[in-house]
Amino acid sequence: MRIKELYLGLWIGITLGLSKANLAFAQQRPYTLSGFVTDGASARPLAGVLVSVRNQHMRTRPDGYYRLEVPADTALPVAYTLSGYQNQEIVLRLLSDCQHHVMLNVQTKELKEVVVKSASVRASESVQMSGLSVPIEQVKAMPTLLGEKDVIKALQLLPGVQKGSEGSTGLYVRGGGPDQNLVLLDDIPVYHTSHVFGFFSLFNGDAIESVDLTKGGFPARFGGRLSSVIELKARDGDREKFHGEGGIGLISSRMTLEGPIAKGKSSFLISARRTYADLLLNLIQSGASDQNGYFYDLNLKTTFDISLVIPFL
């Protein structure tokens, strides 16, 4: 009797030991996670979906199928990612091999509206083939005669323009004489354009903003001119702050002041020149003389904004 009980106990112990070993082996064996990934709207298979579980990554086949080995009895996050679709992440705890099918929805992004504006193309009313402009910065950078920058002498360097006698400010444009040029300062005709026997032009470079030369094909508003049209525009004063500049030359000095009258709405500019060549002539000459070798000029410009588009000069 005791032998039977001994065999029975031994059999039960072996059976329990094998059961525990099988259970431990089953717990250590990884399970298989597989399934298909499809489009949520059309149900078509999605290829190339990235399936991620911890450090394992794989992409679905062309038929949307995927298969991964995952640890058993562990809560694992599984992520499904594909460009253009909303990402999906779930947490699975596998107790056996499992199939999990996933449907991904298309990711929509709302963009801000794009407004395209275009101005109508206006036909050119006139074609100006012979117009040239001289930037005032270029005039200031040129070598000066006795310390005075000269806007008229700058025009003598342009093609089609020939200077007159040495040192004079006369212009011969395409064969025409100096008296056949129309000179305008802010649309006002100027008939005498030089100082000191023609050595200096009438225009103070500190007060000029732009210089335009038209050598042919003049618009009708200029009338019948034979040679050229020279348009000069006086500079507006600074509408924000007061400041000034000046210079001392060999035979003349100049000073320019500008600033706002009503800040942001109106301005003034005063520019003056005066030569002291007469003082030198008096030292050289003896007795009374009719020679008058000095000049002075004064430029004054005020600007008022009557409206946003109409200035008053």
C-alpha atoms as a PDB file:
ATOM      1  CA  MET A   1       0.000   0.000   0.000  1.00  0.00           C
ATOM      2  CA  ARG A   2       2.757   2.362   0.866  1.00  0.00           C
ATOM      3  CA  ILE A   3       4.507   1.629  -2.446  1.00  0.00           C
ATOM      4  CA  LYS A   4       1.346   2.572  -4.379  1.00  0.00           C
ATOM      5  CA  GLU A   5       1.045   5.808  -2.437  1.00  0.00           C
ATOM      6  CA  LEU A   6       4.711   6.547  -3.137  1.00  0.00           C
ATOM      7  CA  TYR A   7       4.263   5.992  -6.898  1.00  0.00           C
ATOM      8  CA  LEU A   8       1.100   8.098  -6.908  1.00  0.00           C
ATOM      9  CA  GLY A   9       2.829  11.004  -5.182  1.00  0.00           C
ATOM     10  CA  LEU A  10       5.795  10.745  -7.522  1.00  0.00           C
ATOM     11  CA  TRP A  11       3.504  10.778 -10.568  1.00  0.00           C
ATOM     12  CA  ILE A  12       1.587  13.796  -9.303  1.00  0.00           C
ATOM     13  CA  GLY A  13       4.852  15.684  -8.628  1.00  0.00           C
ATOM     14  CA  ILE A  14       6.213  14.938 -12.098  1.00  0.00           C
ATOM     15  CA  THR A  15       2.922  15.990 -13.697  1.00  0.00           C
ATOM     16  CA  LEU A  16       2.837  19.271 -11.796  1.00  0.00           C
ATOM     17  CA  GLY A  17       6.492  19.979 -12.653  1.00  0.00           C
ATOM     18  CA  LEU A  18       5.932  19.392 -16.353  1.00  0.00           C
ATOM     19  CA  SER A  19       2.832  21.601 -16.282  1.00  0.00           C
ATOM     20  CA  LYS A  20       4.785  24.458 -14.710  1.00  0.00           C
ATOM     21  CA  ALA A  21       7.609  24.004 -17.220  1.00  0.00           C
ATOM     22  CA  ASN A  22       5.157  24.067 -20.131  1.00  0.00           C
ATOM     23  CA  LEU A  23       3.495  27.175 -18.683  1.00  0.00           C
ATOM     24  CA  ALA A  24       6.869  28.931 -18.265  1.00  0.00           C
ATOM     25  CA  PHE A  25       7.869  27.971 -21.809  1.00  0.00           C
ATOM     26  CA  ALA A  26       4.548  29.211 -23.116  1.00  0.00           C
ATOM     27  CA  GLN A  27       5.022  32.516 -21.314  1.00  0.00           C
ATOM     28  CA  GLN A  28       8.490  32.987 -22.794  1.00  0.00           C
ATOM     29  CA  ARG A  29       7.499  32.187 -26.390  1.00  0.00           C
ATOM     30  CA  PRO A  30       6.666  35.359 -28.412  1.00  0.00           C
ATOM     31  CA  TYR A  31       3.303  35.643 -30.077  1.00  0.00           C
ATOM     32  CA  THR A  32       2.585  36.648 -33.649  1.00  0.00           C
ATOM     33  CA  LEU A  33       0.736  39.877 -34.391  1.00  0.00           C
ATOM     34  CA  SER A  34      -0.516  40.098 -37.961  1.00  0.00           C
ATOM     35  CA  GLY A  35      -3.253  41.684 -39.988  1.00  0.00           C
ATOM     36  CA  PHE A  36      -4.163  43.942 -42.903  1.00  0.00           C
ATOM     37  CA  VAL A  37      -4.117  47.737 -43.120  1.00  0.00           C
ATOM     38  CA  THR A  38      -6.701  49.306 -45.427  1.00  0.00           C
ATOM     39  CA  ASP A  39      -8.038  52.716 -46.419  1.00  0.00           C
ATOM     40  CA  GLY A  40     -10.898  53.778 -44.163  1.00  0.00           C
ATOM     41  CA  ALA A  41     -12.931  55.222 -47.037  1.00  0.00           C
ATOM     42  CA  SER A  42     -12.326  52.844 -49.957  1.00  0.00           C
ATOM     43  CA  ALA A  43     -11.177  49.706 -48.060  1.00  0.00           C
ATOM     44  CA  ARG A  44      -8.296  49.270 -50.516  1.00  0.00           C
ATOM     45  CA  PRO A  45      -5.062  47.785 -49.112  1.00  0.00           C
ATOM     46  CA  LEU A  46      -2.418  50.281 -48.063  1.00  0.00           C
ATOM     47  CA  ALA A  47       1.174  49.421 -48.928  1.00  0.00           C
ATOM     48  CA  GLY A  48       4.161  50.882 -47.109  1.00  0.00           C
ATOM     49  CA  VAL A  49       2.422  51.538 -43.783  1.00  0.00           C
ATOM     50  CA  LEU A  50       5.035  51.663 -41.014  1.00  0.00           C
ATOM     51  CA  VAL A  51       4.074  49.323 -38.143  1.00  0.00           C
ATOM     52  CA  SER A  52       6.119  49.927 -34.980  1.00  0.00           C
ATOM     53  CA  VAL A  53       6.244  47.853 -31.777  1.00  0.00           C
ATOM     54  CA  ARG A  54       8.991  48.932 -29.385  1.00  0.00           C
ATOM     55  CA  ASN A  55      12.222  48.565 -31.383  1.00  0.00           C
ATOM     56  CA  GLN A  56      10.633  46.536 -34.169  1.00  0.00           C
ATOM     57  CA  HIS A  57       9.577  48.239 -37.385  1.00  0.00           C
ATOM     58  CA  MET A  58       8.214  46.910 -40.629  1.00  0.00           C
ATOM     59  CA  ARG A  59       6.159  48.123 -43.574  1.00  0.00           C
ATOM     60  CA  THR A  60       3.083  46.490 -45.003  1.00  0.00           C
ATOM     61  CA  ARG A  61       3.253  44.559 -48.251  1.00  0.00           C
ATOM     62  CA  PRO A  62       1.449  45.718 -51.413  1.00  0.00           C
ATOM     63  CA  ASP A  63      -1.631  43.796 -50.231  1.00  0.00           C
ATOM     64  CA  GLY A  64      -1.534  45.641 -46.873  1.00  0.00           C
ATOM     65  CA  TYR A  65      -0.408  42.616 -44.839  1.00  0.00           C
ATOM     66  CA  TYR A  66       1.986  42.850 -41.896  1.00  0.00           C
ATOM     67  CA  ARG A  67       3.386  40.310 -39.401  1.00  0.00           C
ATOM     68  CA  LEU A  68       5.443  40.886 -36.246  1.00  0.00           C
ATOM     69  CA  GLU A  69       6.742  38.765 -33.372  1.00  0.00           C
ATOM     70  CA  VAL A  70       5.886  40.466 -30.052  1.00  0.00           C
ATOM     71  CA  PRO A  71       6.565  39.483 -26.408  1.00  0.00           C
ATOM     72  CA  ALA A  72       3.800  37.569 -24.658  1.00  0.00           C
ATOM     73  CA  ASP A  73       1.595  38.835 -21.834  1.00  0.00           C
ATOM     74  CA  THR A  74       2.943  42.400 -22.069  1.00  0.00           C
ATOM     75  CA  ALA A  75       1.033  45.625 -22.758  1.00  0.00           C
ATOM     76  CA  LEU A  76       2.638  47.031 -25.900  1.00  0.00           C
ATOM     77  CA  PRO A  77       1.802  50.181 -27.903  1.00  0.00           C
ATOM     78  CA  VAL A  78       1.487  49.458 -31.617  1.00  0.00           C
ATOM     79  CA  ALA A  79       1.715  52.452 -34.004  1.00  0.00           C
ATOM     80  CA  TYR A  80       0.573  52.596 -37.642  1.00  0.00           C
ATOM     81  CA  THR A  81       2.005  55.480 -39.699  1.00  0.00           C
ATOM     82  CA  LEU A  82       1.652  56.474 -43.357  1.00  0.00           C
ATOM     83  CA  SER A  83       2.200  59.855 -44.986  1.00  0.00           C
ATOM     84  CA  GLY A  84      -1.105  61.492 -45.897  1.00  0.00           C
ATOM     85  CA  TYR A  85      -3.074  59.475 -43.335  1.00  0.00           C
ATOM     86  CA  GLN A  86      -3.890  60.014 -39.685  1.00  0.00           C
ATOM     87  CA  ASN A  87      -1.567  58.098 -37.384  1.00  0.00           C
ATOM     88  CA  GLN A  88      -3.156  55.378 -35.273  1.00  0.00           C
ATOM     89  CA  GLU A  89      -1.805  53.903 -32.043  1.00  0.00           C
ATOM     90  CA  ILE A  90      -3.295  51.117 -29.925  1.00  0.00           C
ATOM     91  CA  VAL A  91      -2.153  49.153 -26.856  1.00  0.00           C
ATOM     92  CA  LEU A  92      -2.307  45.340 -27.115  1.00  0.00           C
ATOM     93  CA  ARG A  93      -1.669  42.634 -24.516  1.00  0.00           C
ATOM     94  CA  LEU A  94      -1.268  39.353 -26.347  1.00  0.00           C
ATOM     95  CA  LEU A  95      -2.036  36.049 -24.657  1.00  0.00           C
ATOM     96  CA  SER A  96      -1.880  34.152 -27.937  1.00  0.00           C
ATOM     97  CA  ASP A  97      -1.281  34.712 -31.626  1.00  0.00           C
ATOM     98  CA  CYS A  98      -3.523  37.542 -32.782  1.00  0.00           C
ATOM     99  CA  GLN A  99      -4.765  39.151 -35.969  1.00  0.00           C
ATOM    100  CA  HIS A 100      -5.522  42.860 -35.821  1.00  0.00           C
ATOM    101  CA  HIS A 101      -6.870  44.673 -38.877  1.00  0.00           C
ATOM    102  CA  VAL A 102      -6.546  48.461 -39.067  1.00  0.00           C
ATOM    103  CA  MET A 103      -8.281  51.113 -41.181  1.00  0.00           C
ATOM    104  CA  LEU A 104      -6.493  54.470 -41.611  1.00  0.00           C
ATOM    105  CA  ASN A 105      -8.344  57.671 -42.452  1.00  0.00           C
ATOM    106  CA  VAL A 106      -7.024  60.274 -44.859  1.00  0.00           C
ATOM    107  CA  GLN A 107      -5.497  63.299 -43.122  1.00  0.00           C
ATOM    108  CA  THR A 108      -6.966  66.576 -44.377  1.00  0.00           C
ATOM    109  CA  LYS A 109      -5.257  69.940 -43.913  1.00  0.00           C
ATOM    110  CA  GLU A 110      -7.011  73.240 -44.433  1.00  0.00           C
ATOM    111  CA  LEU A 111      -4.822  75.844 -46.106  1.00  0.00           C
ATOM    112  CA  LYS A 112      -5.399  79.565 -46.097  1.00  0.00           C
ATOM    113  CA  GLU A 113      -6.906  80.970 -49.233  1.00  0.00           C
ATOM    114  CA  VAL A 114      -4.540  82.357 -51.834  1.00  0.00           C
ATOM    115  CA  VAL A 115      -5.580  85.682 -53.317  1.00  0.00           C
ATOM    116  CA  VAL A 116      -3.987  86.624 -56.624  1.00  0.00           C
ATOM    117  CA  LYS A 117      -4.263  90.248 -57.680  1.00  0.00           C
ATOM    118  CA  SER A 118      -3.195  91.692 -60.975  1.00  0.00           C
ATOM    119  CA  ALA A 119      -3.408  95.182 -62.360  1.00  0.00           C
ATOM    120  CA  SER A 120      -4.686  95.593 -65.870  1.00  0.00           C
ATOM    121  CA  VAL A 121      -2.010  96.112 -68.477  1.00  0.00           C
ATOM    122  CA  ARG A 122      -2.180  99.613 -69.862  1.00  0.00           C
ATOM    123  CA  ALA A 123      -1.015 100.310 -73.346  1.00  0.00           C
ATOM    124  CA  SER A 124       1.905 102.687 -73.517  1.00  0.00           C
ATOM    125  CA  GLU A 125       0.683 106.081 -74.630  1.00  0.00           C
ATOM    126  CA  SER A 126       4.119 107.160 -75.805  1.00  0.00           C
ATOM    127  CA  VAL A 127       7.457 105.561 -76.454  1.00  0.00           C
ATOM    128  CA  GLN A 128      10.326 107.772 -75.324  1.00  0.00           C
ATOM    129  CA  MET A 129      13.358 106.537 -77.227  1.00  0.00           C
ATOM    130  CA  SER A 130      15.755 109.397 -76.460  1.00  0.00           C
ATOM    131  CA  GLY A 131      15.281 109.980 -72.737  1.00  0.00           C
ATOM    132  CA  LEU A 132      18.161 109.756 -70.252  1.00  0.00           C
ATOM    133  CA  SER A 133      18.275 110.286 -66.493  1.00  0.00           C
ATOM    134  CA  VAL A 134      21.252 111.269 -64.368  1.00  0.00           C
ATOM    135  CA  PRO A 135      21.009 110.204 -60.692  1.00  0.00           C
ATOM    136  CA  ILE A 136      21.893 113.065 -58.377  1.00  0.00           C
ATOM    137  CA  GLU A 137      24.216 110.689 -56.469  1.00  0.00           C
ATOM    138  CA  GLN A 138      26.258 110.327 -59.651  1.00  0.00           C
ATOM    139  CA  VAL A 139      26.470 114.107 -59.988  1.00  0.00           C
ATOM    140  CA  LYS A 140      27.757 114.430 -56.419  1.00  0.00           C
ATOM    141  CA  ALA A 141      30.395 111.751 -57.045  1.00  0.00           C
ATOM    142  CA  MET A 142      31.839 113.500 -60.111  1.00  0.00           C
ATOM    143  CA  PRO A 143      34.989 115.657 -59.967  1.00  0.00           C
ATOM    144  CA  THR A 144      34.015 119.270 -59.310  1.00  0.00           C
ATOM    145  CA  LEU A 145      35.180 122.552 -60.768  1.00  0.00           C
ATOM    146  CA  LEU A 146      36.615 124.720 -57.985  1.00  0.00           C
ATOM    147  CA  GLY A 147      34.632 122.734 -55.418  1.00  0.00           C
ATOM    148  CA  GLU A 148      31.188 123.192 -57.027  1.00  0.00           C
ATOM    149  CA  LYS A 149      29.218 120.170 -58.268  1.00  0.00           C
ATOM    150  CA  ASP A 150      27.408 121.034 -61.481  1.00  0.00           C
ATOM    151  CA  VAL A 151      24.342 119.154 -62.777  1.00  0.00           C
ATOM    152  CA  ILE A 152      24.610 120.699 -66.248  1.00  0.00           C
ATOM    153  CA  LYS A 153      28.230 119.632 -66.675  1.00  0.00           C
ATOM    154  CA  ALA A 154      27.168 116.091 -65.759  1.00  0.00           C
ATOM    155  CA  LEU A 155      24.929 116.090 -68.847  1.00  0.00           C
ATOM    156  CA  GLN A 156      27.947 116.863 -71.035  1.00  0.00           C
ATOM    157  CA  LEU A 157      29.187 113.305 -70.405  1.00  0.00           C
ATOM    158  CA  LEU A 158      26.098 111.676 -71.939  1.00  0.00           C
ATOM    159  CA  PRO A 159      26.090 110.273 -75.496  1.00  0.00           C
ATOM    160  CA  GLY A 160      24.879 112.723 -78.121  1.00  0.00           C
ATOM    161  CA  VAL A 161      25.815 115.726 -75.987  1.00  0.00           C
ATOM    162  CA  GLN A 162      28.780 117.968 -76.736  1.00  0.00           C
ATOM    163  CA  LYS A 163      30.077 120.662 -74.424  1.00  0.00           C
ATOM    164  CA  GLY A 164      30.778 124.157 -75.626  1.00  0.00           C
ATOM    165  CA  SER A 165      33.909 126.164 -75.017  1.00  0.00           C
ATOM    166  CA  GLU A 166      36.235 125.021 -72.252  1.00  0.00           C
ATOM    167  CA  GLY A 167      34.730 125.649 -68.836  1.00  0.00           C
ATOM    168  CA  SER A 168      31.319 126.795 -70.080  1.00  0.00           C
ATOM    169  CA  THR A 169      27.985 125.180 -69.229  1.00  0.00           C
ATOM    170  CA  GLY A 170      26.511 125.362 -72.732  1.00  0.00           C
ATOM    171  CA  LEU A 171      25.189 122.125 -74.244  1.00  0.00           C
ATOM    172  CA  TYR A 172      25.210 121.163 -77.911  1.00  0.00           C
ATOM    173  CA  VAL A 173      22.768 118.268 -78.278  1.00  0.00           C
ATOM    174  CA  ARG A 174      22.784 116.455 -81.632  1.00  0.00           C
ATOM    175  CA  GLY A 175      24.181 119.485 -83.387  1.00  0.00           C
ATOM    176  CA  GLY A 176      21.801 122.044 -81.879  1.00  0.00           C
ATOM    177  CA  GLY A 177      23.068 125.152 -80.122  1.00  0.00           C
ATOM    178  CA  PRO A 178      22.662 126.035 -76.424  1.00  0.00           C
ATOM    179  CA  ASP A 179      19.795 128.424 -77.248  1.00  0.00           C
ATOM    180  CA  GLN A 180      17.792 125.545 -78.759  1.00  0.00           C
ATOM    181  CA  ASN A 181      17.524 123.654 -75.450  1.00  0.00           C
ATOM    182  CA  LEU A 182      14.458 123.959 -73.218  1.00  0.00           C
ATOM    183  CA  VAL A 183      15.465 123.988 -69.537  1.00  0.00           C
ATOM    184  CA  LEU A 184      12.715 123.433 -66.944  1.00  0.00           C
ATOM    185  CA  LEU A 185      12.985 123.627 -63.159  1.00  0.00           C
ATOM    186  CA  ASP A 186       9.823 122.127 -61.631  1.00  0.00           C
ATOM    187  CA  ASP A 187       8.117 122.756 -65.023  1.00  0.00           C
ATOM    188  CA  ILE A 188       9.149 126.435 -64.986  1.00  0.00           C
ATOM    189  CA  PRO A 189      11.235 127.564 -68.017  1.00  0.00           C
ATOM    190  CA  VAL A 190      14.699 128.896 -67.182  1.00  0.00           C
ATOM    191  CA  TYR A 191      16.278 131.091 -69.859  1.00  0.00           C
ATOM    192  CA  HIS A 192      19.638 131.995 -68.335  1.00  0.00           C
ATOM    193  CA  THR A 193      21.330 128.927 -66.872  1.00  0.00           C
ATOM    194  CA  SER A 194      24.831 130.015 -65.871  1.00  0.00           C
ATOM    195  CA  HIS A 195      26.897 132.212 -63.546  1.00  0.00           C
ATOM    196  CA  VAL A 196      30.299 133.882 -63.915  1.00  0.00           C
ATOM    197  CA  PHE A 197      30.598 134.071 -67.701  1.00  0.00           C
ATOM    198  CA  GLY A 198      29.252 130.529 -68.110  1.00  0.00           C
ATOM    199  CA  PHE A 199      31.670 128.733 -65.779  1.00  0.00           C
ATOM    200  CA  PHE A 200      28.995 127.699 -63.234  1.00  0.00           C
ATOM    201  CA  SER A 201      25.419 126.571 -63.828  1.00  0.00           C
ATOM    202  CA  LEU A 202      22.510 128.295 -62.180  1.00  0.00           C
ATOM    203  CA  PHE A 203      21.377 125.139 -60.378  1.00  0.00           C
ATOM    204  CA  ASN A 204      22.570 124.324 -56.872  1.00  0.00           C
ATOM    205  CA  GLY A 205      23.265 120.590 -56.711  1.00  0.00           C
ATOM    206  CA  ASP A 206      22.194 120.443 -53.045  1.00  0.00           C
ATOM    207  CA  ALA A 207      18.661 121.514 -54.009  1.00  0.00           C
ATOM    208  CA  ILE A 208      18.168 119.242 -57.050  1.00  0.00           C
ATOM    209  CA  GLU A 209      16.559 115.802 -56.799  1.00  0.00           C
ATOM    210  CA  SER A 210      16.636 114.534 -60.402  1.00  0.00           C
ATOM    211  CA  VAL A 211      17.825 115.523 -63.879  1.00  0.00           C
ATOM    212  CA  ASP A 212      16.231 114.165 -67.081  1.00  0.00           C
ATOM    213  CA  LEU A 213      17.407 114.840 -70.630  1.00  0.00           C
ATOM    214  CA  THR A 214      15.247 114.249 -73.714  1.00  0.00           C
ATOM    215  CA  LYS A 215      17.163 114.428 -76.991  1.00  0.00           C
ATOM    216  CA  GLY A 216      14.363 113.810 -79.471  1.00  0.00           C
ATOM    217  CA  GLY A 217      10.737 112.858 -79.975  1.00  0.00           C
ATOM    218  CA  PHE A 218       9.539 115.495 -77.530  1.00  0.00           C
ATOM    219  CA  PRO A 219       5.973 115.240 -76.204  1.00  0.00           C
ATOM    220  CA  ALA A 220       3.621 117.945 -77.440  1.00  0.00           C
ATOM    221  CA  ARG A 221       3.523 119.644 -74.027  1.00  0.00           C
ATOM    222  CA  PHE A 222       7.081 120.890 -74.579  1.00  0.00           C
ATOM    223  CA  GLY A 223       6.251 122.709 -77.799  1.00  0.00           C
ATOM    224  CA  GLY A 224       8.496 122.808 -80.841  1.00  0.00           C
ATOM    225  CA  ARG A 225      12.033 122.438 -79.525  1.00  0.00           C
ATOM    226  CA  LEU A 226      14.866 121.818 -81.973  1.00  0.00           C
ATOM    227  CA  SER A 227      17.579 120.350 -79.767  1.00  0.00           C
ATOM    228  CA  SER A 228      16.653 118.959 -76.328  1.00  0.00           C
ATOM    229  CA  VAL A 229      14.566 119.277 -73.184  1.00  0.00           C
ATOM    230  CA  ILE A 230      16.271 119.312 -69.781  1.00  0.00           C
ATOM    231  CA  GLU A 231      13.942 118.709 -66.828  1.00  0.00           C
ATOM    232  CA  LEU A 232      15.192 119.361 -63.297  1.00  0.00           C
ATOM    233  CA  LYS A 233      13.164 118.630 -60.181  1.00  0.00           C
ATOM    234  CA  ALA A 234      13.876 120.471 -56.956  1.00  0.00           C
ATOM    235  CA  ARG A 235      14.200 118.363 -53.843  1.00  0.00           C
ATOM    236  CA  ASP A 236      11.478 118.375 -51.159  1.00  0.00           C
ATOM    237  CA  GLY A 237      12.493 119.159 -47.599  1.00  0.00           C
ATOM    238  CA  ASP A 238      12.591 116.550 -44.842  1.00  0.00           C
ATOM    239  CA  ARG A 239       9.118 116.178 -43.277  1.00  0.00           C
ATOM    240  CA  GLU A 240      10.310 114.494 -40.095  1.00  0.00           C
ATOM    241  CA  LYS A 241      13.283 116.404 -38.659  1.00  0.00           C
ATOM    242  CA  PHE A 242      15.392 119.543 -39.067  1.00  0.00           C
ATOM    243  CA  HIS A 243      18.915 119.253 -40.421  1.00  0.00           C
ATOM    244  CA  GLY A 244      21.295 120.971 -42.777  1.00  0.00           C
ATOM    245  CA  GLU A 245      24.505 120.648 -44.742  1.00  0.00           C
ATOM    246  CA  GLY A 246      27.044 122.986 -46.238  1.00  0.00           C
ATOM    247  CA  GLY A 247      30.377 123.265 -47.972  1.00  0.00           C
ATOM    248  CA  ILE A 248      33.276 125.633 -48.464  1.00  0.00           C
ATOM    249  CA  GLY A 249      34.928 125.749 -51.890  1.00  0.00           C
ATOM    250  CA  LEU A 250      37.843 127.628 -53.360  1.00  0.00           C
ATOM    251  CA  ILE A 251      35.721 130.512 -54.603  1.00  0.00           C
ATOM    252  CA  SER A 252      32.280 129.950 -53.076  1.00  0.00           C
ATOM    253  CA  SER A 253      30.421 128.486 -50.115  1.00  0.00           C
ATOM    254  CA  ARG A 254      26.979 126.964 -49.783  1.00  0.00           C
ATOM    255  CA  MET A 255      24.479 126.099 -47.056  1.00  0.00           C
ATOM    256  CA  THR A 256      21.252 124.055 -47.129  1.00  0.00           C
ATOM    257  CA  LEU A 257      18.634 123.868 -44.361  1.00  0.00           C
ATOM    258  CA  GLU A 258      15.486 121.729 -44.389  1.00  0.00           C
ATOM    259  CA  GLY A 259      12.820 120.437 -42.047  1.00  0.00           C
ATOM    260  CA  PRO A 260       9.100 120.071 -41.373  1.00  0.00           C
ATOM    261  CA  ILE A 261       6.615 122.913 -41.085  1.00  0.00           C
ATOM    262  CA  ALA A 262       3.870 120.572 -39.870  1.00  0.00           C
ATOM    263  CA  LYS A 263       5.486 117.226 -39.134  1.00  0.00           C
ATOM    264  CA  GLY A 264       4.616 114.622 -41.728  1.00  0.00           C
ATOM    265  CA  LYS A 265       2.444 117.007 -43.783  1.00  0.00           C
ATOM    266  CA  SER A 266       4.589 119.912 -44.983  1.00  0.00           C
ATOM    267  CA  SER A 267       8.227 120.870 -45.313  1.00  0.00           C
ATOM    268  CA  PHE A 268      10.627 123.591 -46.393  1.00  0.00           C
ATOM    269  CA  LEU A 269      14.043 123.653 -48.017  1.00  0.00           C
ATOM    270  CA  ILE A 270      16.382 126.653 -48.254  1.00  0.00           C
ATOM    271  CA  SER A 271      19.625 126.383 -50.190  1.00  0.00           C
ATOM    272  CA  ALA A 272      21.963 129.338 -50.769  1.00  0.00           C
ATOM    273  CA  ARG A 273      25.316 129.895 -52.488  1.00  0.00           C
ATOM    274  CA  ARG A 274      27.621 132.889 -52.500  1.00  0.00           C
ATOM    275  CA  THR A 275      31.019 133.355 -54.104  1.00  0.00           C
ATOM    276  CA  TYR A 276      33.834 135.434 -52.721  1.00  0.00           C
ATOM    277  CA  ALA A 277      35.663 135.757 -56.030  1.00  0.00           C
ATOM    278  CA  ASP A 278      34.832 139.481 -56.049  1.00  0.00           C
ATOM    279  CA  LEU A 279      36.983 139.915 -52.957  1.00  0.00           C
ATOM    280  CA  LEU A 280      39.933 138.354 -54.750  1.00  0.00           C
ATOM    281  CA  LEU A 281      39.329 140.496 -57.836  1.00  0.00           C
ATOM    282  CA  ASN A 282      39.331 143.635 -55.720  1.00  0.00           C
ATOM    283  CA  LEU A 283      42.747 142.685 -54.379  1.00  0.00           C
ATOM    284  CA  ILE A 284      44.121 142.090 -57.864  1.00  0.00           C
ATOM    285  CA  GLN A 285      42.530 145.020 -59.705  1.00  0.00           C
ATOM    286  CA  SER A 286      43.530 148.603 -59.116  1.00  0.00           C
ATOM    287  CA  GLY A 287      40.901 151.303 -59.301  1.00  0.00           C
ATOM    288  CA  ALA A 288      37.297 151.032 -60.435  1.00  0.00           C
ATOM    289  CA  SER A 289      36.349 148.234 -62.810  1.00  0.00           C
ATOM    290  CA  ASP A 290      33.194 147.180 -64.593  1.00  0.00           C
ATOM    291  CA  GLN A 291      34.038 143.482 -64.206  1.00  0.00           C
ATOM    292  CA  ASN A 292      31.662 141.704 -61.860  1.00  0.00           C
ATOM    293  CA  GLY A 293      32.947 138.215 -61.147  1.00  0.00           C
ATOM    294  CA  TYR A 294      30.763 137.065 -58.296  1.00  0.00           C
ATOM    295  CA  PHE A 295      27.357 135.436 -58.000  1.00  0.00           C
ATOM    296  CA  TYR A 296      24.854 134.350 -55.410  1.00  0.00           C
ATOM    297  CA  ASP A 297      21.610 132.406 -55.617  1.00  0.00           C
ATOM    298  CA  LEU A 298      18.895 131.284 -53.233  1.00  0.00           C
ATOM    299  CA  ASN A 299      16.542 128.324 -53.636  1.00  0.00           C
ATOM    300  CA  LEU A 300      13.448 128.155 -51.444  1.00  0.00           C
ATOM    301  CA  LYS A 301      10.846 125.404 -51.707  1.00  0.00           C
ATOM    302  CA  THR A 302       7.883 124.665 -49.462  1.00  0.00           C
ATOM    303  CA  THR A 303       5.647 121.649 -49.872  1.00  0.00           C
ATOM    304  CA  PHE A 304       2.160 121.130 -48.414  1.00  0.00           C
ATOM    305  CA  ASP A 305      -0.012 118.021 -48.712  1.00  0.00           C
ATOM    306  CA  ILE A 306      -3.500 119.299 -49.465  1.00  0.00           C
ATOM    307  CA  SER A 307      -4.697 115.684 -49.760  1.00  0.00           C
ATOM    308  CA  LEU A 308      -3.126 112.247 -49.889  1.00  0.00           C
ATOM    309  CA  VAL A 309      -2.498 112.542 -53.626  1.00  0.00           C
ATOM    310  CA  ILE A 310      -2.234 116.287 -54.336  1.00  0.00           C
ATOM    311  CA  PRO A 311       0.864 118.148 -53.085  1.00  0.00           C
ATOM    312  CA  PHE A 312       1.085 121.943 -53.239  1.00  0.00           C
ATOM    313  CA  LEU A 313       4.506 123.419 -54.044  1.00  0.00           C
END
